[in-house]
Every structure is written in structure tokens, then in C-alpha cells.
Amino acid sequence: MFINPKLLPDDTLNALIEDWLFKQAEFENMNENANMETAREQVKQMLKRKTLVISFAEDDELDVADRINIQPVENFGLTPNQVEFDEL
């Protein structure tokens, strides 16, 4: 299930993006002066272009924090044009 980022409140979307950025090796290797706002805006643009998607796993065995994630669309064997958002 893919979640349309437009449906998430800004503070929720920003927190999800920041959490994802901190998990990324590329972000950790940025210099200390890297601007979180710039990185967040880059991720938002990637979500808008659907090169990244917000996925939700309905697996009850996962913790809630592990059920929602940002992932490259390629992880699902899809192209950005093939992404369809589920309604919440």
C-alpha cells in the first residue's frame, strides 16, 4: 500500500522524512553544516515525482514504526508512472 504524501499533515510528513534521512548512509556522511530543510525539500520532491514512495505494511507482527517507511519505487519493481496511491 502506498500513501499519498499530500494526505499527511506537514508535521507528520516532515518527521517521517527526517527519520528516513537519518537512516540513510548518504545523509550521515554529509558535512555537519548540511541543511535539514534542504534535504527534507529534496525528499519531498522525490516523493512528488514518485521516485520515492511512502509504503505501509499491513503486517500485524511488525511494530507500528516499522510498518510505515519511505522507499525507492524500484524496490517494488515499479516505475514512477506505475505508482497508484491507496485511499486512507
N, C-alpha and C. Protein backbone atom coordinates (compact mmCIF):
# COMPACT_ATOMS: atom_id res chain seq x y z
N MET A 1 0.84 -1.16 0.00
CA MET A 1 0.00 0.00 0.00
C MET A 1 0.89 1.23 0.00
N PHE A 2 0.62 2.16 -0.91
CA PHE A 2 1.36 3.42 -0.96
C PHE A 2 0.47 4.54 -0.46
N ILE A 3 1.05 5.42 0.32
CA ILE A 3 0.32 6.55 0.91
C ILE A 3 0.68 7.82 0.14
N ASN A 4 -0.32 8.55 -0.28
CA ASN A 4 -0.10 9.82 -0.95
C ASN A 4 0.44 10.82 0.07
N PRO A 5 1.64 11.36 -0.13
CA PRO A 5 2.20 12.30 0.84
C PRO A 5 1.35 13.56 1.01
N LYS A 6 0.53 13.89 0.03
CA LYS A 6 -0.34 15.07 0.12
C LYS A 6 -1.40 14.90 1.20
N LEU A 7 -1.68 13.65 1.59
CA LEU A 7 -2.72 13.39 2.58
C LEU A 7 -2.20 13.46 4.02
N LEU A 8 -0.88 13.53 4.17
CA LEU A 8 -0.31 13.58 5.52
C LEU A 8 -0.15 15.02 5.98
N PRO A 9 -0.42 15.28 7.26
CA PRO A 9 -0.17 16.62 7.79
C PRO A 9 1.33 16.94 7.66
N ASP A 10 1.66 18.21 7.46
CA ASP A 10 3.05 18.62 7.25
C ASP A 10 3.99 18.13 8.35
N ASP A 11 3.57 18.24 9.61
CA ASP A 11 4.46 17.84 10.70
C ASP A 11 4.71 16.33 10.68
N THR A 12 3.71 15.55 10.31
CA THR A 12 3.87 14.10 10.22
C THR A 12 4.81 13.74 9.06
N LEU A 13 4.59 14.37 7.92
CA LEU A 13 5.43 14.13 6.76
C LEU A 13 6.88 14.52 7.05
N ASN A 14 7.08 15.67 7.66
CA ASN A 14 8.43 16.12 7.98
C ASN A 14 9.12 15.17 8.95
N ALA A 15 8.42 14.68 9.94
CA ALA A 15 9.01 13.75 10.91
C ALA A 15 9.37 12.43 10.23
N LEU A 16 8.51 11.95 9.34
CA LEU A 16 8.78 10.72 8.62
C LEU A 16 10.02 10.88 7.72
N ILE A 17 10.10 12.01 7.04
CA ILE A 17 11.25 12.28 6.16
C ILE A 17 12.53 12.39 6.98
N GLU A 18 12.50 13.12 8.08
CA GLU A 18 13.70 13.27 8.91
C GLU A 18 14.16 11.93 9.45
N ASP A 19 13.23 11.09 9.87
CA ASP A 19 13.58 9.76 10.36
C ASP A 19 14.25 8.96 9.25
N TRP A 20 13.69 9.03 8.06
CA TRP A 20 14.25 8.30 6.92
C TRP A 20 15.65 8.84 6.57
N LEU A 21 15.81 10.16 6.58
CA LEU A 21 17.11 10.75 6.26
C LEU A 21 18.19 10.28 7.23
N PHE A 22 17.87 10.22 8.50
CA PHE A 22 18.87 9.80 9.49
C PHE A 22 19.26 8.34 9.32
N LYS A 23 18.40 7.55 8.70
CA LYS A 23 18.70 6.14 8.47
C LYS A 23 19.58 5.94 7.23
N GLN A 24 19.69 6.96 6.40
CA GLN A 24 20.41 6.84 5.14
C GLN A 24 21.90 7.11 5.34
N ALA A 25 22.72 6.24 4.83
CA ALA A 25 24.17 6.39 4.95
C ALA A 25 24.64 7.67 4.26
N GLU A 26 24.00 8.03 3.14
CA GLU A 26 24.42 9.23 2.41
C GLU A 26 24.23 10.48 3.27
N PHE A 27 23.12 10.51 4.01
CA PHE A 27 22.86 11.69 4.84
C PHE A 27 23.84 11.76 5.99
N GLU A 28 24.17 10.62 6.58
CA GLU A 28 25.10 10.60 7.70
C GLU A 28 26.48 11.08 7.27
N ASN A 29 26.82 10.88 5.99
CA ASN A 29 28.13 11.27 5.50
C ASN A 29 28.19 12.73 5.06
N MET A 30 27.06 13.42 5.05
CA MET A 30 27.07 14.84 4.71
C MET A 30 27.83 15.62 5.77
N ASN A 31 28.35 16.77 5.38
CA ASN A 31 29.07 17.54 6.39
C ASN A 31 28.09 18.07 7.43
N GLU A 32 28.62 18.46 8.56
CA GLU A 32 27.77 18.86 9.69
C GLU A 32 26.93 20.09 9.39
N ASN A 33 27.32 20.87 8.41
CA ASN A 33 26.58 22.08 8.08
C ASN A 33 25.44 21.83 7.10
N ALA A 34 25.24 20.56 6.75
CA ALA A 34 24.16 20.24 5.81
C ALA A 34 22.83 20.73 6.38
N ASN A 35 22.03 21.28 5.52
CA ASN A 35 20.77 21.88 5.92
C ASN A 35 19.65 20.85 5.87
N MET A 36 19.08 20.55 7.02
CA MET A 36 17.98 19.57 7.10
C MET A 36 16.81 20.02 6.25
N GLU A 37 16.53 21.30 6.22
CA GLU A 37 15.40 21.81 5.43
C GLU A 37 15.62 21.53 3.95
N THR A 38 16.83 21.72 3.46
CA THR A 38 17.13 21.44 2.06
C THR A 38 16.96 19.96 1.76
N ALA A 39 17.50 19.11 2.62
CA ALA A 39 17.37 17.67 2.43
C ALA A 39 15.91 17.25 2.47
N ARG A 40 15.15 17.81 3.39
CA ARG A 40 13.72 17.48 3.51
C ARG A 40 12.98 17.88 2.23
N GLU A 41 13.30 19.04 1.69
CA GLU A 41 12.64 19.50 0.47
C GLU A 41 13.01 18.62 -0.72
N GLN A 42 14.25 18.15 -0.76
CA GLN A 42 14.66 17.24 -1.83
C GLN A 42 13.87 15.94 -1.77
N VAL A 43 13.68 15.41 -0.57
CA VAL A 43 12.90 14.18 -0.42
C VAL A 43 11.44 14.43 -0.80
N LYS A 44 10.88 15.57 -0.43
CA LYS A 44 9.50 15.88 -0.81
C LYS A 44 9.35 15.91 -2.33
N GLN A 45 10.35 16.46 -3.02
CA GLN A 45 10.30 16.49 -4.48
C GLN A 45 10.37 15.08 -5.06
N MET A 46 11.20 14.23 -4.46
CA MET A 46 11.29 12.85 -4.91
C MET A 46 9.98 12.10 -4.66
N LEU A 47 9.32 12.40 -3.55
CA LEU A 47 8.00 11.81 -3.28
C LEU A 47 6.98 12.30 -4.30
N LYS A 48 7.06 13.58 -4.64
CA LYS A 48 6.14 14.15 -5.61
C LYS A 48 6.33 13.51 -6.98
N ARG A 49 7.60 13.25 -7.35
CA ARG A 49 7.90 12.63 -8.64
C ARG A 49 7.71 11.11 -8.60
N LYS A 50 7.44 10.59 -7.40
CA LYS A 50 7.21 9.16 -7.15
C LYS A 50 8.47 8.31 -7.38
N THR A 51 9.65 8.92 -7.29
CA THR A 51 10.87 8.12 -7.31
C THR A 51 11.10 7.50 -5.94
N LEU A 52 10.54 8.15 -4.93
CA LEU A 52 10.42 7.58 -3.58
C LEU A 52 8.94 7.48 -3.27
N VAL A 53 8.55 6.47 -2.50
CA VAL A 53 7.15 6.32 -2.10
C VAL A 53 7.08 6.04 -0.61
N ILE A 54 5.97 6.42 -0.01
CA ILE A 54 5.69 6.08 1.39
C ILE A 54 4.88 4.80 1.35
N SER A 55 5.44 3.76 1.94
CA SER A 55 4.75 2.47 1.93
C SER A 55 4.25 2.14 3.33
N PHE A 56 3.16 1.40 3.36
CA PHE A 56 2.59 0.95 4.62
C PHE A 56 2.37 -0.54 4.54
N ALA A 57 2.96 -1.27 5.47
CA ALA A 57 2.79 -2.73 5.52
C ALA A 57 1.69 -3.06 6.52
N GLU A 58 0.78 -3.89 6.12
CA GLU A 58 -0.32 -4.27 6.99
C GLU A 58 0.00 -5.47 7.87
N ASP A 59 1.28 -5.84 7.93
CA ASP A 59 1.74 -6.99 8.73
C ASP A 59 1.61 -6.66 10.21
N ASP A 60 0.70 -7.34 10.90
CA ASP A 60 0.45 -7.08 12.33
C ASP A 60 1.62 -7.47 13.21
N GLU A 61 2.54 -8.26 12.70
CA GLU A 61 3.68 -8.69 13.50
C GLU A 61 4.76 -7.62 13.60
N LEU A 62 4.67 -6.60 12.76
CA LEU A 62 5.65 -5.51 12.79
C LEU A 62 5.22 -4.44 13.77
N ASP A 63 6.20 -3.77 14.37
CA ASP A 63 5.90 -2.60 15.20
C ASP A 63 5.35 -1.51 14.29
N VAL A 64 4.53 -0.64 14.85
CA VAL A 64 3.93 0.43 14.05
C VAL A 64 5.01 1.25 13.35
N ALA A 65 6.11 1.54 14.03
CA ALA A 65 7.18 2.33 13.44
C ALA A 65 7.82 1.64 12.24
N ASP A 66 7.76 0.31 12.20
CA ASP A 66 8.35 -0.44 11.09
C ASP A 66 7.36 -0.67 9.96
N ARG A 67 6.12 -0.32 10.17
CA ARG A 67 5.08 -0.58 9.17
C ARG A 67 5.01 0.52 8.11
N ILE A 68 5.47 1.72 8.45
CA ILE A 68 5.45 2.83 7.50
C ILE A 68 6.89 3.21 7.20
N ASN A 69 7.18 3.39 5.91
CA ASN A 69 8.56 3.61 5.51
C ASN A 69 8.60 4.34 4.18
N ILE A 70 9.69 5.04 3.94
CA ILE A 70 9.96 5.66 2.65
C ILE A 70 10.94 4.74 1.93
N GLN A 71 10.61 4.41 0.68
CA GLN A 71 11.46 3.51 -0.09
C GLN A 71 11.53 3.96 -1.54
N PRO A 72 12.62 3.61 -2.22
CA PRO A 72 12.67 3.85 -3.67
C PRO A 72 11.61 3.00 -4.36
N VAL A 73 10.97 3.55 -5.36
CA VAL A 73 9.91 2.85 -6.08
C VAL A 73 10.44 1.57 -6.73
N GLU A 74 11.72 1.56 -7.07
CA GLU A 74 12.32 0.38 -7.69
C GLU A 74 12.28 -0.83 -6.77
N ASN A 75 12.24 -0.60 -5.46
CA ASN A 75 12.17 -1.72 -4.51
C ASN A 75 10.91 -2.56 -4.71
N PHE A 76 9.93 -2.00 -5.37
CA PHE A 76 8.66 -2.69 -5.60
C PHE A 76 8.54 -3.18 -7.04
N GLY A 77 9.63 -3.02 -7.81
CA GLY A 77 9.62 -3.44 -9.21
C GLY A 77 8.73 -2.57 -10.07
N LEU A 78 8.56 -1.31 -9.68
CA LEU A 78 7.69 -0.38 -10.39
C LEU A 78 8.47 0.81 -10.90
N THR A 79 7.87 1.51 -11.85
CA THR A 79 8.38 2.81 -12.28
C THR A 79 7.46 3.87 -11.66
N PRO A 80 7.91 5.12 -11.59
CA PRO A 80 7.04 6.16 -11.02
C PRO A 80 5.66 6.24 -11.68
N ASN A 81 5.59 5.98 -12.98
CA ASN A 81 4.29 6.05 -13.68
C ASN A 81 3.33 4.95 -13.26
N GLN A 82 3.85 3.90 -12.66
CA GLN A 82 3.01 2.77 -12.26
C GLN A 82 2.48 2.89 -10.84
N VAL A 83 2.93 3.89 -10.09
CA VAL A 83 2.53 4.04 -8.69
C VAL A 83 1.10 4.58 -8.61
N GLU A 84 0.28 3.87 -7.86
CA GLU A 84 -1.07 4.33 -7.58
C GLU A 84 -1.23 4.36 -6.07
N PHE A 85 -1.82 5.43 -5.58
CA PHE A 85 -1.99 5.60 -4.15
C PHE A 85 -3.31 4.97 -3.69
N ASP A 86 -3.23 4.28 -2.54
CA ASP A 86 -4.43 3.74 -1.93
C ASP A 86 -5.10 4.86 -1.14
N GLU A 87 -6.41 4.79 -1.06
CA GLU A 87 -7.14 5.78 -0.26
C GLU A 87 -7.09 5.36 1.19
N LEU A 88 -6.92 6.35 2.07
CA LEU A 88 -6.87 6.07 3.51
C LEU A 88 -8.25 5.96 4.08
